[in-house]
Amino acid sequence: MKRYAQIIQLKPEYEAEYIRYHAAVWRSVQDTLAACNIRNYSIFLRDSILFAYFEYHGHDYEAYMELMSADPETQRWWRIMDPMQTPVPGTDPDAKWAQLREVFHVDGPPLGPYVVG
């Protein structure tokens, strides 16, 4: 499993519409995410910046992203979402969302006792 984090700017005038769409993401889009081995997908919003986090549970990420990109319902969803968003500065010219580099992760509590003082 590999964790992914991404950011993109949400155009402020679309905030309510974006939230409304994501309160009822189409089942077909959710099914495509699942078929592409995407799990634990979340999108957070702060000050017009969208932060997405998901976990990929497959072995060929690029192939599954191509499969997702070829799905007609996902393409239709993106045609609605794309005008609401704009890439942040420094985003790869071939991408919409900027990839974030993971610099820390911990699963569960530390293995040893806490020491205070």
Protein backbone atom coordinates (compact mmCIF):
# COMPACT_ATOMS: atom_id res chain seq x y z
CA MET A 1 0.00 0.00 0.00
CA LYS A 2 1.22 3.49 -0.85
CA ARG A 3 -0.19 6.74 0.53
CA TYR A 4 -0.76 9.71 -1.77
CA ALA A 5 -1.44 13.34 -0.90
CA GLN A 6 -2.28 16.08 -3.37
CA ILE A 7 -3.37 19.70 -3.42
CA ILE A 8 -5.21 21.93 -5.86
CA GLN A 9 -6.85 25.34 -5.55
CA LEU A 10 -10.64 25.54 -5.50
CA LYS A 11 -12.00 28.69 -7.11
CA PRO A 12 -13.82 30.40 -4.20
CA GLU A 13 -16.98 31.05 -6.19
CA TYR A 14 -17.43 27.26 -6.61
CA GLU A 15 -17.04 26.23 -2.96
CA ALA A 16 -20.73 25.53 -2.28
CA GLU A 17 -21.20 23.68 -5.57
CA TYR A 18 -18.05 21.58 -5.06
CA ILE A 19 -19.17 20.60 -1.57
CA ARG A 20 -22.67 19.78 -2.83
CA TYR A 21 -21.30 17.46 -5.54
CA HIS A 22 -18.99 15.72 -3.10
CA ALA A 23 -21.80 15.16 -0.62
CA ALA A 24 -23.24 12.77 -3.23
CA VAL A 25 -20.37 11.48 -5.38
CA TRP A 26 -21.78 9.33 -8.17
CA ARG A 27 -21.71 5.61 -7.48
CA SER A 28 -20.02 5.01 -10.85
CA VAL A 29 -17.11 7.26 -9.83
CA GLN A 30 -16.81 5.49 -6.48
CA ASP A 31 -16.88 2.11 -8.23
CA THR A 32 -14.06 3.19 -10.55
CA LEU A 33 -11.96 4.33 -7.59
CA ALA A 34 -12.48 0.93 -5.96
CA ALA A 35 -11.70 -0.93 -9.22
CA CYS A 36 -8.46 1.06 -9.44
CA ASN A 37 -7.39 -0.04 -5.95
CA ILE A 38 -7.98 3.37 -4.34
CA ARG A 39 -9.00 3.16 -0.67
CA ASN A 40 -9.48 5.65 2.18
CA TYR A 41 -9.95 8.60 -0.17
CA SER A 42 -10.61 11.91 1.58
CA ILE A 43 -10.66 15.52 0.41
CA PHE A 44 -10.25 18.38 2.89
CA LEU A 45 -10.74 22.11 2.30
CA ARG A 46 -9.10 25.14 3.86
CA ASP A 47 -8.82 28.67 2.48
CA SER A 48 -9.67 27.51 -1.06
CA ILE A 49 -7.01 24.78 -1.01
CA LEU A 50 -8.23 21.22 -1.50
CA PHE A 51 -6.08 18.54 0.11
CA ALA A 52 -6.70 14.96 -1.07
CA TYR A 53 -5.42 11.83 0.62
CA PHE A 54 -5.82 8.25 -0.56
CA GLU A 55 -4.19 4.87 -0.32
CA TYR A 56 -3.31 2.80 -3.39
CA HIS A 57 -3.40 -0.96 -2.85
CA GLY A 58 -2.20 -2.21 -6.23
CA HIS A 59 1.04 -2.95 -8.04
CA ASP A 60 0.89 -0.75 -11.17
CA TYR A 61 -0.31 2.73 -10.22
CA GLU A 62 0.22 4.28 -13.66
CA ALA A 63 -1.78 1.54 -15.41
CA TYR A 64 -4.69 1.96 -12.99
CA MET A 65 -4.62 5.74 -13.36
CA GLU A 66 -4.86 5.25 -17.15
CA LEU A 67 -7.80 2.91 -16.60
CA MET A 68 -9.49 5.53 -14.41
CA SER A 69 -8.81 8.26 -16.99
CA ALA A 70 -10.45 6.15 -19.70
CA ASP A 71 -13.69 5.65 -17.75
CA PRO A 72 -16.50 7.70 -19.40
CA GLU A 73 -18.31 8.46 -16.12
CA THR A 74 -15.10 9.58 -14.44
CA GLN A 75 -14.36 11.78 -17.45
CA ARG A 76 -17.85 13.27 -17.13
CA TRP A 77 -17.25 13.93 -13.38
CA TRP A 78 -13.92 15.59 -14.16
CA ARG A 79 -15.53 17.82 -16.82
CA ILE A 80 -17.75 19.18 -14.04
CA MET A 81 -14.97 19.46 -11.43
CA ASP A 82 -12.16 20.84 -13.63
CA PRO A 83 -13.61 24.34 -14.16
CA MET A 84 -13.96 24.68 -10.37
CA GLN A 85 -10.25 24.08 -9.77
CA THR A 86 -6.92 25.57 -10.75
CA PRO A 87 -3.49 24.01 -10.19
CA VAL A 88 -1.29 25.51 -7.50
CA PRO A 89 1.99 27.11 -8.64
CA GLY A 90 4.67 24.54 -9.38
CA THR A 91 2.28 21.75 -10.38
CA ASP A 92 3.59 19.42 -13.09
CA PRO A 93 2.31 20.82 -16.42
CA ASP A 94 0.73 17.44 -17.27
CA ALA A 95 -1.13 17.23 -13.93
CA LYS A 96 -4.07 18.94 -12.27
CA TRP A 97 -3.29 18.14 -8.64
CA ALA A 98 0.18 18.78 -7.19
CA GLN A 99 1.68 15.71 -5.54
CA LEU A 100 2.94 16.10 -1.96
CA ARG A 101 5.96 14.26 -0.60
CA GLU A 102 5.42 12.28 2.57
CA VAL A 103 7.93 13.29 5.25
CA PHE A 104 6.43 11.57 8.30
CA HIS A 105 4.04 8.73 9.08
CA VAL A 106 3.27 6.63 12.13
CA ASP A 107 0.81 3.77 12.55
CA GLY A 108 -0.58 3.34 16.03
CA PRO A 109 1.02 4.27 19.33
CA PRO A 110 4.79 4.25 19.95
CA LEU A 111 6.25 0.90 20.93
CA GLY A 112 7.73 2.03 24.22
CA PRO A 113 6.36 3.83 27.28
CA TYR A 114 6.02 7.61 27.29
CA VAL A 115 8.64 9.38 29.37
CA VAL A 116 7.65 12.74 30.83
CA GLY A 117 10.17 15.17 32.33
